[in-house]
Amino acid sequence: MTAAEFEILDDRFRPCVRTSARVEHLYEGCRWAEGPAYFPAHHSLVWSDIPNDRMLRFDEMTGAVGIFRAPANYANGNTIDRQGRLVTCEHGGRRVTRTEHDGAITVLADRFEGNRLNSPNDLVVQSNGAIWFTDPSYGIDSNYEGNHAPREQDGCHVYRIDPATGEVERVLDDFVRPNGLAFSPDETRLYVADSGGTSVKDGPRHIRAFTLDDRRLTGGDVFATCTHGFFDGFRLDESGRIWAGTQEGVHCFDPSGDLIGKIRVPETVANLTFGGPKRNRLYLCATTSLYAVFVAVSGAKTI
């Protein structure tokens, strides 16, 4: 691809990218690529291919792609905790799990108040070890991305797993379909996407911003509205800019909420993450493919 794939809408975006960089097409063959998680120690990326019920691994050193896990319980979102362990949202198991260093899988959450979760979608690990995750019902709405099943919760909500007790706490309950989420670099703000427009006519297609004080969330105003499709997964860079997947590629928002630039990709970008030794290689999970592009900023440090 060429420099024309970068769209600079505001001069604030200009120093964030190098228009001579190319958007690289690294792999094709997924049905719905999602949940990229980068392992710095292994120079590798793991991501989910939900309908194919597998997880794939990209080797940054060789460019090779192989199966990481299959079947994978229709895994969706993934992240790395502060100990370098993979933490995963599973549609099929309706749970959040952690893959230990020896390969064993530990269930972190599968119920709230005695009832099964819907289908955990995306998650983020706070510096204190708390895990925050969203729980829409995409994985139980049909057999395509999980197993069709009745909902046991009274809606689609956001939860927190306590790092000391493992207790699952409902922290936000006014979303239609909570989706991607991420903290600001200083962890004073939590951003959560609502892709409710996929399920409700004229429903939300935005990211909301909350102020975090210890475990208490306040605010929740709309930070940005998606103009092409729906927001799904997103990440922040070191300066607090949000890089979000959309139908036309990646949209970059200044911390003020202004849309300052775009990276156009020929497939819908569901999720993304920063990787590479300098955290300046943006990996994009886009429908059937994995893409990557080097940018001029580094992702916020999370481990």
C-alpha atoms as a PDB file:
ATOM      1  CA  MET A   1       0.000   0.000   0.000  1.00  0.00           C
ATOM      2  CA  THR A   2       1.036   3.607  -0.410  1.00  0.00           C
ATOM      3  CA  ALA A   3       1.221   6.854   1.498  1.00  0.00           C
ATOM      4  CA  ALA A   4      -2.271   7.701   0.218  1.00  0.00           C
ATOM      5  CA  GLU A   5      -3.639   5.328   2.878  1.00  0.00           C
ATOM      6  CA  PHE A   6      -2.944   7.988   5.531  1.00  0.00           C
ATOM      7  CA  GLU A   7      -5.499  10.775   5.848  1.00  0.00           C
ATOM      8  CA  ILE A   8      -4.347  13.778   7.869  1.00  0.00           C
ATOM      9  CA  LEU A   9      -7.417  15.673   9.077  1.00  0.00           C
ATOM     10  CA  ASP A  10      -5.596  17.843  11.623  1.00  0.00           C
ATOM     11  CA  ASP A  11      -1.983  18.936  11.926  1.00  0.00           C
ATOM     12  CA  ARG A  12      -1.890  17.193  15.307  1.00  0.00           C
ATOM     13  CA  PHE A  13      -1.890  13.883  13.432  1.00  0.00           C
ATOM     14  CA  ARG A  14       1.061  14.735  11.210  1.00  0.00           C
ATOM     15  CA  PRO A  15       3.820  13.921  13.778  1.00  0.00           C
ATOM     16  CA  CYS A  16       2.048  10.645  14.698  1.00  0.00           C
ATOM     17  CA  VAL A  17       2.689   8.938  11.358  1.00  0.00           C
ATOM     18  CA  ARG A  18       5.188   8.729   8.561  1.00  0.00           C
ATOM     19  CA  THR A  19       3.346   8.745   5.274  1.00  0.00           C
ATOM     20  CA  SER A  20       6.204   6.815   3.660  1.00  0.00           C
ATOM     21  CA  ALA A  21       5.346   3.807   5.860  1.00  0.00           C
ATOM     22  CA  ARG A  22       3.402   0.993   4.277  1.00  0.00           C
ATOM     23  CA  VAL A  23       0.422  -0.896   5.611  1.00  0.00           C
ATOM     24  CA  GLU A  24       1.653  -4.490   5.445  1.00  0.00           C
ATOM     25  CA  HIS A  25      -0.683  -7.410   4.780  1.00  0.00           C
ATOM     26  CA  LEU A  26       0.761 -10.143   7.015  1.00  0.00           C
ATOM     27  CA  TYR A  27      -1.841 -12.924   6.860  1.00  0.00           C
ATOM     28  CA  GLU A  28      -5.153 -13.802   5.226  1.00  0.00           C
ATOM     29  CA  GLY A  29      -7.516 -16.673   5.969  1.00  0.00           C
ATOM     30  CA  CYS A  30      -9.592 -15.687   8.999  1.00  0.00           C
ATOM     31  CA  ARG A  31     -13.360 -15.410   9.150  1.00  0.00           C
ATOM     32  CA  TRP A  32     -13.377 -12.678  11.814  1.00  0.00           C
ATOM     33  CA  ALA A  33      -9.992 -11.659  13.198  1.00  0.00           C
ATOM     34  CA  GLU A  34     -10.055 -10.196  16.709  1.00  0.00           C
ATOM     35  CA  GLY A  35      -8.273  -9.673  20.009  1.00  0.00           C
ATOM     36  CA  PRO A  36      -4.560  -9.118  19.211  1.00  0.00           C
ATOM     37  CA  ALA A  37      -2.129  -9.413  22.138  1.00  0.00           C
ATOM     38  CA  TYR A  38       1.607  -8.790  21.782  1.00  0.00           C
ATOM     39  CA  PHE A  39       4.257 -10.730  23.735  1.00  0.00           C
ATOM     40  CA  PRO A  40       7.430  -8.588  23.909  1.00  0.00           C
ATOM     41  CA  ALA A  41       9.629 -11.388  25.261  1.00  0.00           C
ATOM     42  CA  HIS A  42       8.714 -13.683  22.361  1.00  0.00           C
ATOM     43  CA  HIS A  43       8.452 -11.061  19.602  1.00  0.00           C
ATOM     44  CA  SER A  44       5.109 -12.556  18.709  1.00  0.00           C
ATOM     45  CA  LEU A  45       1.448 -11.674  18.391  1.00  0.00           C
ATOM     46  CA  VAL A  46      -1.493 -13.906  19.328  1.00  0.00           C
ATOM     47  CA  TRP A  47      -4.968 -13.179  18.008  1.00  0.00           C
ATOM     48  CA  SER A  48      -8.388 -14.814  17.711  1.00  0.00           C
ATOM     49  CA  ASP A  49     -10.250 -16.080  14.659  1.00  0.00           C
ATOM     50  CA  ILE A  50     -13.633 -16.388  16.329  1.00  0.00           C
ATOM     51  CA  PRO A  51     -15.882 -18.262  13.839  1.00  0.00           C
ATOM     52  CA  ASN A  52     -13.060 -20.711  13.046  1.00  0.00           C
ATOM     53  CA  ASP A  53     -12.702 -21.370  16.795  1.00  0.00           C
ATOM     54  CA  ARG A  54      -8.954 -20.937  16.841  1.00  0.00           C
ATOM     55  CA  MET A  55      -6.199 -18.606  17.946  1.00  0.00           C
ATOM     56  CA  LEU A  56      -3.254 -17.792  15.686  1.00  0.00           C
ATOM     57  CA  ARG A  57       0.307 -16.684  16.371  1.00  0.00           C
ATOM     58  CA  PHE A  58       2.488 -14.391  14.250  1.00  0.00           C
ATOM     59  CA  ASP A  59       6.270 -14.663  14.686  1.00  0.00           C
ATOM     60  CA  GLU A  60       7.713 -11.178  14.290  1.00  0.00           C
ATOM     61  CA  MET A  61      11.204 -12.542  13.588  1.00  0.00           C
ATOM     62  CA  THR A  62      10.288 -14.879  10.728  1.00  0.00           C
ATOM     63  CA  GLY A  63       6.880 -13.678   9.565  1.00  0.00           C
ATOM     64  CA  ALA A  64       5.491 -17.178  10.042  1.00  0.00           C
ATOM     65  CA  VAL A  65       1.903 -17.740  11.194  1.00  0.00           C
ATOM     66  CA  GLY A  66       0.761 -20.883  12.967  1.00  0.00           C
ATOM     67  CA  ILE A  67      -2.001 -22.202  15.185  1.00  0.00           C
ATOM     68  CA  PHE A  68      -1.655 -21.123  18.810  1.00  0.00           C
ATOM     69  CA  ARG A  69      -4.744 -22.959  20.095  1.00  0.00           C
ATOM     70  CA  ALA A  70      -7.581 -24.877  18.457  1.00  0.00           C
ATOM     71  CA  PRO A  71     -10.278 -25.338  19.462  1.00  0.00           C
ATOM     72  CA  ALA A  72     -10.186 -22.127  21.477  1.00  0.00           C
ATOM     73  CA  ASN A  73     -13.668 -21.877  23.021  1.00  0.00           C
ATOM     74  CA  TYR A  74     -14.469 -19.187  20.444  1.00  0.00           C
ATOM     75  CA  ALA A  75     -11.954 -16.808  22.023  1.00  0.00           C
ATOM     76  CA  ASN A  76     -12.444 -13.099  21.339  1.00  0.00           C
ATOM     77  CA  GLY A  77     -10.494 -10.415  23.221  1.00  0.00           C
ATOM     78  CA  ASN A  78      -6.997 -11.052  24.570  1.00  0.00           C
ATOM     79  CA  THR A  79      -4.486  -9.109  26.602  1.00  0.00           C
ATOM     80  CA  ILE A  80      -1.312  -9.666  28.620  1.00  0.00           C
ATOM     81  CA  ASP A  81      -1.230  -9.248  32.395  1.00  0.00           C
ATOM     82  CA  ARG A  82       1.615  -7.732  34.410  1.00  0.00           C
ATOM     83  CA  GLN A  83       3.260 -11.165  34.735  1.00  0.00           C
ATOM     84  CA  GLY A  84       3.280 -11.742  30.978  1.00  0.00           C
ATOM     85  CA  ARG A  85       0.392 -14.217  30.990  1.00  0.00           C
ATOM     86  CA  LEU A  86      -2.321 -14.342  28.344  1.00  0.00           C
ATOM     87  CA  VAL A  87      -5.794 -13.341  29.571  1.00  0.00           C
ATOM     88  CA  THR A  88      -8.686 -14.201  27.264  1.00  0.00           C
ATOM     89  CA  CYS A  89     -12.403 -13.597  26.818  1.00  0.00           C
ATOM     90  CA  GLU A  90     -14.111 -16.795  25.636  1.00  0.00           C
ATOM     91  CA  HIS A  91     -17.483 -16.726  23.911  1.00  0.00           C
ATOM     92  CA  GLY A  92     -17.818 -20.501  23.969  1.00  0.00           C
ATOM     93  CA  GLY A  93     -17.036 -20.894  27.651  1.00  0.00           C
ATOM     94  CA  ARG A  94     -18.814 -17.622  28.539  1.00  0.00           C
ATOM     95  CA  ARG A  95     -15.839 -16.859  30.729  1.00  0.00           C
ATOM     96  CA  VAL A  96     -12.576 -14.987  31.270  1.00  0.00           C
ATOM     97  CA  THR A  97      -9.506 -17.214  31.516  1.00  0.00           C
ATOM     98  CA  ARG A  98      -5.775 -16.905  32.076  1.00  0.00           C
ATOM     99  CA  THR A  99      -3.176 -19.092  30.382  1.00  0.00           C
ATOM    100  CA  GLU A 100      -0.450 -19.839  32.913  1.00  0.00           C
ATOM    101  CA  HIS A 101       3.235 -20.019  32.025  1.00  0.00           C
ATOM    102  CA  ASP A 102       3.027 -23.846  32.016  1.00  0.00           C
ATOM    103  CA  GLY A 103       0.062 -23.799  29.622  1.00  0.00           C
ATOM    104  CA  ALA A 104      -2.616 -24.546  32.200  1.00  0.00           C
ATOM    105  CA  ILE A 105      -5.826 -22.541  31.902  1.00  0.00           C
ATOM    106  CA  THR A 106      -7.296 -20.851  34.969  1.00  0.00           C
ATOM    107  CA  VAL A 107     -10.913 -19.651  34.980  1.00  0.00           C
ATOM    108  CA  LEU A 108     -11.065 -16.117  36.407  1.00  0.00           C
ATOM    109  CA  ALA A 109     -14.759 -15.366  35.892  1.00  0.00           C
ATOM    110  CA  ASP A 110     -17.718 -17.221  34.437  1.00  0.00           C
ATOM    111  CA  ARG A 111     -20.637 -16.093  36.595  1.00  0.00           C
ATOM    112  CA  PHE A 112     -22.075 -13.044  38.276  1.00  0.00           C
ATOM    113  CA  GLU A 113     -24.436 -13.493  41.229  1.00  0.00           C
ATOM    114  CA  GLY A 114     -24.770 -17.184  40.400  1.00  0.00           C
ATOM    115  CA  ASN A 115     -25.785 -16.744  36.744  1.00  0.00           C
ATOM    116  CA  ARG A 116     -23.600 -17.372  33.722  1.00  0.00           C
ATOM    117  CA  LEU A 117     -22.070 -14.407  31.946  1.00  0.00           C
ATOM    118  CA  ASN A 118     -23.254 -13.624  28.404  1.00  0.00           C
ATOM    119  CA  SER A 119     -20.071 -13.872  26.323  1.00  0.00           C
ATOM    120  CA  PRO A 120     -17.104 -11.805  27.564  1.00  0.00           C
ATOM    121  CA  ASN A 121     -15.797  -9.725  24.688  1.00  0.00           C
ATOM    122  CA  ASP A 122     -12.792  -7.548  25.524  1.00  0.00           C
ATOM    123  CA  LEU A 123     -10.693  -6.825  28.578  1.00  0.00           C
ATOM    124  CA  VAL A 124      -7.919  -4.727  30.074  1.00  0.00           C
ATOM    125  CA  VAL A 125      -5.622  -5.317  33.051  1.00  0.00           C
ATOM    126  CA  GLN A 126      -5.053  -2.429  35.442  1.00  0.00           C
ATOM    127  CA  SER A 127      -1.598  -1.866  36.966  1.00  0.00           C
ATOM    128  CA  ASN A 128      -2.873  -3.172  40.330  1.00  0.00           C
ATOM    129  CA  GLY A 129      -3.874  -6.458  38.716  1.00  0.00           C
ATOM    130  CA  ALA A 130      -7.618  -5.803  38.486  1.00  0.00           C
ATOM    131  CA  ILE A 131      -9.193  -7.078  35.269  1.00  0.00           C
ATOM    132  CA  TRP A 132     -11.992  -5.072  33.666  1.00  0.00           C
ATOM    133  CA  PHE A 133     -14.083  -6.720  30.936  1.00  0.00           C
ATOM    134  CA  THR A 134     -17.171  -6.171  28.799  1.00  0.00           C
ATOM    135  CA  ASP A 135     -19.945  -8.729  28.457  1.00  0.00           C
ATOM    136  CA  PRO A 136     -22.251  -8.213  25.467  1.00  0.00           C
ATOM    137  CA  SER A 137     -24.205 -11.165  24.076  1.00  0.00           C
ATOM    138  CA  TYR A 138     -22.650 -11.564  20.616  1.00  0.00           C
ATOM    139  CA  GLY A 139     -21.348 -15.044  21.445  1.00  0.00           C
ATOM    140  CA  ILE A 140     -24.753 -16.419  22.471  1.00  0.00           C
ATOM    141  CA  ASP A 141     -26.891 -14.577  19.905  1.00  0.00           C
ATOM    142  CA  SER A 142     -26.156 -17.277  17.307  1.00  0.00           C
ATOM    143  CA  ASN A 143     -23.892 -20.243  16.609  1.00  0.00           C
ATOM    144  CA  TYR A 144     -21.555 -18.185  14.398  1.00  0.00           C
ATOM    145  CA  GLU A 145     -19.272 -16.716  17.089  1.00  0.00           C
ATOM    146  CA  GLY A 146     -20.084 -19.133  19.897  1.00  0.00           C
ATOM    147  CA  ASN A 147     -23.024 -21.226  21.017  1.00  0.00           C
ATOM    148  CA  HIS A 148     -26.590 -19.994  20.768  1.00  0.00           C
ATOM    149  CA  ALA A 149     -28.013 -19.859  24.281  1.00  0.00           C
ATOM    150  CA  PRO A 150     -30.418 -17.866  26.443  1.00  0.00           C
ATOM    151  CA  ARG A 151     -29.145 -14.860  28.346  1.00  0.00           C
ATOM    152  CA  GLU A 152     -28.887 -15.349  32.106  1.00  0.00           C
ATOM    153  CA  GLN A 153     -27.893 -11.776  32.961  1.00  0.00           C
ATOM    154  CA  ASP A 154     -30.409  -8.907  32.849  1.00  0.00           C
ATOM    155  CA  GLY A 155     -28.423  -7.065  30.183  1.00  0.00           C
ATOM    156  CA  CYS A 156     -24.986  -6.434  28.762  1.00  0.00           C
ATOM    157  CA  HIS A 157     -22.650  -4.879  31.306  1.00  0.00           C
ATOM    158  CA  VAL A 158     -19.060  -4.089  32.309  1.00  0.00           C
ATOM    159  CA  TYR A 159     -17.358  -5.981  35.137  1.00  0.00           C
ATOM    160  CA  ARG A 160     -14.250  -5.879  37.310  1.00  0.00           C
ATOM    161  CA  ILE A 161     -12.363  -8.854  38.767  1.00  0.00           C
ATOM    162  CA  ASP A 162     -10.747  -8.002  42.079  1.00  0.00           C
ATOM    163  CA  PRO A 163      -7.021  -8.900  42.049  1.00  0.00           C
ATOM    164  CA  ALA A 164      -6.973  -9.984  45.697  1.00  0.00           C
ATOM    165  CA  THR A 165     -10.245 -11.873  46.105  1.00  0.00           C
ATOM    166  CA  GLY A 166     -11.229 -12.789  42.547  1.00  0.00           C
ATOM    167  CA  GLU A 167     -14.674 -11.306  43.236  1.00  0.00           C
ATOM    168  CA  VAL A 168     -16.592 -10.267  40.111  1.00  0.00           C
ATOM    169  CA  GLU A 169     -18.219  -6.842  40.469  1.00  0.00           C
ATOM    170  CA  ARG A 170     -20.583  -5.158  38.027  1.00  0.00           C
ATOM    171  CA  VAL A 171     -19.250  -1.629  37.497  1.00  0.00           C
ATOM    172  CA  LEU A 172     -21.310  -0.235  34.592  1.00  0.00           C
ATOM    173  CA  ASP A 173     -24.864  -1.187  33.685  1.00  0.00           C
ATOM    174  CA  ASP A 174     -26.137   1.421  31.219  1.00  0.00           C
ATOM    175  CA  PHE A 175     -24.747   0.063  27.931  1.00  0.00           C
ATOM    176  CA  VAL A 176     -26.533  -1.628  25.052  1.00  0.00           C
ATOM    177  CA  ARG A 177     -23.528  -3.626  23.806  1.00  0.00           C
ATOM    178  CA  PRO A 178     -20.311  -2.738  25.677  1.00  0.00           C
ATOM    179  CA  ASN A 179     -17.356  -3.651  23.517  1.00  0.00           C
ATOM    180  CA  GLY A 180     -13.705  -2.486  23.519  1.00  0.00           C
ATOM    181  CA  LEU A 181     -12.235  -0.741  26.544  1.00  0.00           C
ATOM    182  CA  ALA A 182      -8.921   0.795  27.603  1.00  0.00           C
ATOM    183  CA  PHE A 183      -7.378   2.990  30.284  1.00  0.00           C
ATOM    184  CA  SER A 184      -5.666   6.322  29.794  1.00  0.00           C
ATOM    185  CA  PRO A 185      -1.896   6.038  30.359  1.00  0.00           C
ATOM    186  CA  ASP A 186      -2.229   7.367  33.929  1.00  0.00           C
ATOM    187  CA  GLU A 187      -5.305   5.172  34.579  1.00  0.00           C
ATOM    188  CA  THR A 188      -7.444   8.125  35.632  1.00  0.00           C
ATOM    189  CA  ARG A 189      -9.866   7.525  32.777  1.00  0.00           C
ATOM    190  CA  LEU A 190     -11.569   4.411  31.448  1.00  0.00           C
ATOM    191  CA  TYR A 191     -12.867   4.458  27.883  1.00  0.00           C
ATOM    192  CA  VAL A 192     -15.577   1.978  26.845  1.00  0.00           C
ATOM    193  CA  ALA A 193     -17.091   1.490  23.391  1.00  0.00           C
ATOM    194  CA  ASP A 194     -20.804   0.792  22.900  1.00  0.00           C
ATOM    195  CA  SER A 195     -21.640  -0.931  19.611  1.00  0.00           C
ATOM    196  CA  GLY A 196     -25.323  -1.196  20.454  1.00  0.00           C
ATOM    197  CA  GLY A 197     -26.298  -0.010  16.985  1.00  0.00           C
ATOM    198  CA  THR A 198     -25.481  -3.511  15.736  1.00  0.00           C
ATOM    199  CA  SER A 199     -28.474  -4.803  17.693  1.00  0.00           C
ATOM    200  CA  VAL A 200     -30.846  -1.872  18.180  1.00  0.00           C
ATOM    201  CA  LYS A 201     -32.075   0.490  15.481  1.00  0.00           C
ATOM    202  CA  ASP A 202     -30.343   3.866  15.842  1.00  0.00           C
ATOM    203  CA  GLY A 203     -28.438   2.435  18.796  1.00  0.00           C
ATOM    204  CA  PRO A 204     -25.104   3.738  20.073  1.00  0.00           C
ATOM    205  CA  ARG A 205     -21.920   3.651  18.029  1.00  0.00           C
ATOM    206  CA  HIS A 206     -19.638   5.606  20.305  1.00  0.00           C
ATOM    207  CA  ILE A 207     -16.907   5.573  22.951  1.00  0.00           C
ATOM    208  CA  ARG A 208     -17.700   6.911  26.414  1.00  0.00           C
ATOM    209  CA  ALA A 209     -15.157   8.293  28.891  1.00  0.00           C
ATOM    210  CA  PHE A 210     -15.314   7.718  32.646  1.00  0.00           C
ATOM    211  CA  THR A 211     -13.219   9.172  35.444  1.00  0.00           C
ATOM    212  CA  LEU A 212     -11.714   6.510  37.694  1.00  0.00           C
ATOM    213  CA  ASP A 213     -11.030   7.170  41.374  1.00  0.00           C
ATOM    214  CA  ASP A 214      -9.844   3.960  43.038  1.00  0.00           C
ATOM    215  CA  ARG A 215     -12.703   1.615  42.021  1.00  0.00           C
ATOM    216  CA  ARG A 216     -15.346   4.309  41.487  1.00  0.00           C
ATOM    217  CA  LEU A 217     -16.345   5.422  38.012  1.00  0.00           C
ATOM    218  CA  THR A 218     -18.040   8.750  37.353  1.00  0.00           C
ATOM    219  CA  GLY A 219     -18.946  10.664  34.217  1.00  0.00           C
ATOM    220  CA  GLY A 220     -19.579   8.596  31.130  1.00  0.00           C
ATOM    221  CA  ASP A 221     -20.076  11.299  28.524  1.00  0.00           C
ATOM    222  CA  VAL A 222     -19.670  10.399  24.877  1.00  0.00           C
ATOM    223  CA  PHE A 223     -16.030  10.892  23.905  1.00  0.00           C
ATOM    224  CA  ALA A 224     -16.349  10.143  20.172  1.00  0.00           C
ATOM    225  CA  THR A 225     -18.955   8.823  17.744  1.00  0.00           C
ATOM    226  CA  CYS A 226     -18.063   6.445  14.925  1.00  0.00           C
ATOM    227  CA  THR A 227     -18.791   7.822  11.462  1.00  0.00           C
ATOM    228  CA  HIS A 228     -18.047   4.585   9.597  1.00  0.00           C
ATOM    229  CA  GLY A 229     -19.521   1.444  11.088  1.00  0.00           C
ATOM    230  CA  PHE A 230     -19.028   0.843  14.793  1.00  0.00           C
ATOM    231  CA  PHE A 231     -16.186   1.135  17.271  1.00  0.00           C
ATOM    232  CA  ASP A 232     -14.941  -2.239  18.440  1.00  0.00           C
ATOM    233  CA  GLY A 233     -11.446  -2.515  19.918  1.00  0.00           C
ATOM    234  CA  PHE A 234      -9.044   0.384  20.480  1.00  0.00           C
ATOM    235  CA  ARG A 235      -5.765   1.260  22.196  1.00  0.00           C
ATOM    236  CA  LEU A 236      -4.085   4.406  23.489  1.00  0.00           C
ATOM    237  CA  ASP A 237      -0.603   5.709  22.781  1.00  0.00           C
ATOM    238  CA  GLU A 238       1.752   7.239  25.343  1.00  0.00           C
ATOM    239  CA  SER A 239       0.240  10.694  24.862  1.00  0.00           C
ATOM    240  CA  GLY A 240      -3.331   9.531  25.409  1.00  0.00           C
ATOM    241  CA  ARG A 241      -4.504   9.524  21.808  1.00  0.00           C
ATOM    242  CA  ILE A 242      -7.045   6.795  20.985  1.00  0.00           C
ATOM    243  CA  TRP A 243      -6.467   4.567  17.941  1.00  0.00           C
ATOM    244  CA  ALA A 244      -9.747   2.816  17.148  1.00  0.00           C
ATOM    245  CA  GLY A 245     -10.815   0.218  14.625  1.00  0.00           C
ATOM    246  CA  THR A 246     -13.627   1.208  12.245  1.00  0.00           C
ATOM    247  CA  GLN A 247     -15.225   0.096   9.000  1.00  0.00           C
ATOM    248  CA  GLU A 248     -12.725   2.083   6.934  1.00  0.00           C
ATOM    249  CA  GLY A 249      -9.611   1.280   8.956  1.00  0.00           C
ATOM    250  CA  VAL A 250      -8.199   3.126  11.965  1.00  0.00           C
ATOM    251  CA  HIS A 251      -9.415   6.453  13.337  1.00  0.00           C
ATOM    252  CA  CYS A 252      -7.091   8.421  15.616  1.00  0.00           C
ATOM    253  CA  PHE A 253      -8.554  10.764  18.226  1.00  0.00           C
ATOM    254  CA  ASP A 254      -6.777  13.462  20.183  1.00  0.00           C
ATOM    255  CA  PRO A 255      -7.351  13.275  23.984  1.00  0.00           C
ATOM    256  CA  SER A 256      -9.820  16.133  23.489  1.00  0.00           C
ATOM    257  CA  GLY A 257     -12.019  13.821  21.395  1.00  0.00           C
ATOM    258  CA  ASP A 258     -11.195  15.416  18.037  1.00  0.00           C
ATOM    259  CA  LEU A 259     -10.766  13.056  15.097  1.00  0.00           C
ATOM    260  CA  ILE A 260      -7.323  14.030  13.789  1.00  0.00           C
ATOM    261  CA  GLY A 261      -6.445  11.336  11.277  1.00  0.00           C
ATOM    262  CA  LYS A 262      -7.148   8.004   9.634  1.00  0.00           C
ATOM    263  CA  ILE A 263      -5.274   4.987   8.357  1.00  0.00           C
ATOM    264  CA  ARG A 264      -7.315   3.420   5.601  1.00  0.00           C
ATOM    265  CA  VAL A 265      -7.389  -0.384   5.354  1.00  0.00           C
ATOM    266  CA  PRO A 266      -9.387  -2.376   2.754  1.00  0.00           C
ATOM    267  CA  GLU A 267     -11.209  -4.389   5.445  1.00  0.00           C
ATOM    268  CA  THR A 268     -13.115  -3.502   8.613  1.00  0.00           C
ATOM    269  CA  VAL A 269     -10.687  -3.269  11.535  1.00  0.00           C
ATOM    270  CA  ALA A 270     -12.200  -4.985  14.559  1.00  0.00           C
ATOM    271  CA  ASN A 271      -9.309  -4.581  16.961  1.00  0.00           C
ATOM    272  CA  LEU A 272      -5.686  -3.494  17.183  1.00  0.00           C
ATOM    273  CA  THR A 273      -2.674  -3.281  19.458  1.00  0.00           C
ATOM    274  CA  PHE A 274       0.777  -1.741  19.579  1.00  0.00           C
ATOM    275  CA  GLY A 275       3.740  -4.119  19.346  1.00  0.00           C
ATOM    276  CA  GLY A 276       7.385  -4.390  18.396  1.00  0.00           C
ATOM    277  CA  PRO A 277      10.400  -3.561  20.585  1.00  0.00           C
ATOM    278  CA  LYS A 278       9.461   0.143  20.606  1.00  0.00           C
ATOM    279  CA  ARG A 279       5.677  -0.425  20.755  1.00  0.00           C
ATOM    280  CA  ASN A 280       5.410   1.548  17.510  1.00  0.00           C
ATOM    281  CA  ARG A 281       4.160  -1.203  15.206  1.00  0.00           C
ATOM    282  CA  LEU A 282       0.384  -1.079  15.042  1.00  0.00           C
ATOM    283  CA  TYR A 283      -1.106  -4.541  14.476  1.00  0.00           C
ATOM    284  CA  LEU A 284      -4.595  -4.588  12.980  1.00  0.00           C
ATOM    285  CA  CYS A 285      -7.074  -7.461  13.085  1.00  0.00           C
ATOM    286  CA  ALA A 286      -9.286  -6.735  10.080  1.00  0.00           C
ATOM    287  CA  THR A 287     -12.027  -9.229   9.134  1.00  0.00           C
ATOM    288  CA  THR A 288     -10.085 -11.921   7.212  1.00  0.00           C
ATOM    289  CA  SER A 289      -6.586 -10.540   7.698  1.00  0.00           C
ATOM    290  CA  LEU A 290      -3.782  -9.369   9.941  1.00  0.00           C
ATOM    291  CA  TYR A 291      -2.137  -6.077   8.950  1.00  0.00           C
ATOM    292  CA  ALA A 292       0.628  -3.974  10.484  1.00  0.00           C
ATOM    293  CA  VAL A 293       1.954  -0.470  10.047  1.00  0.00           C
ATOM    294  CA  PHE A 294       4.790   1.381  11.737  1.00  0.00           C
ATOM    295  CA  VAL A 295       3.753   4.698  13.260  1.00  0.00           C
ATOM    296  CA  ALA A 296       5.767   7.548  14.777  1.00  0.00           C
ATOM    297  CA  VAL A 297       4.430   7.131  18.329  1.00  0.00           C
ATOM    298  CA  SER A 298       4.563   4.337  20.892  1.00  0.00           C
ATOM    299  CA  GLY A 299       1.632   2.607  22.517  1.00  0.00           C
ATOM    300  CA  ALA A 300       0.965   3.231  26.191  1.00  0.00           C
ATOM    301  CA  LYS A 301       2.987   0.846  28.315  1.00  0.00           C
ATOM    302  CA  THR A 302       0.789  -1.847  29.829  1.00  0.00           C
ATOM    303  CA  ILE A 303       3.237  -4.437  31.202  1.00  0.00           C
END
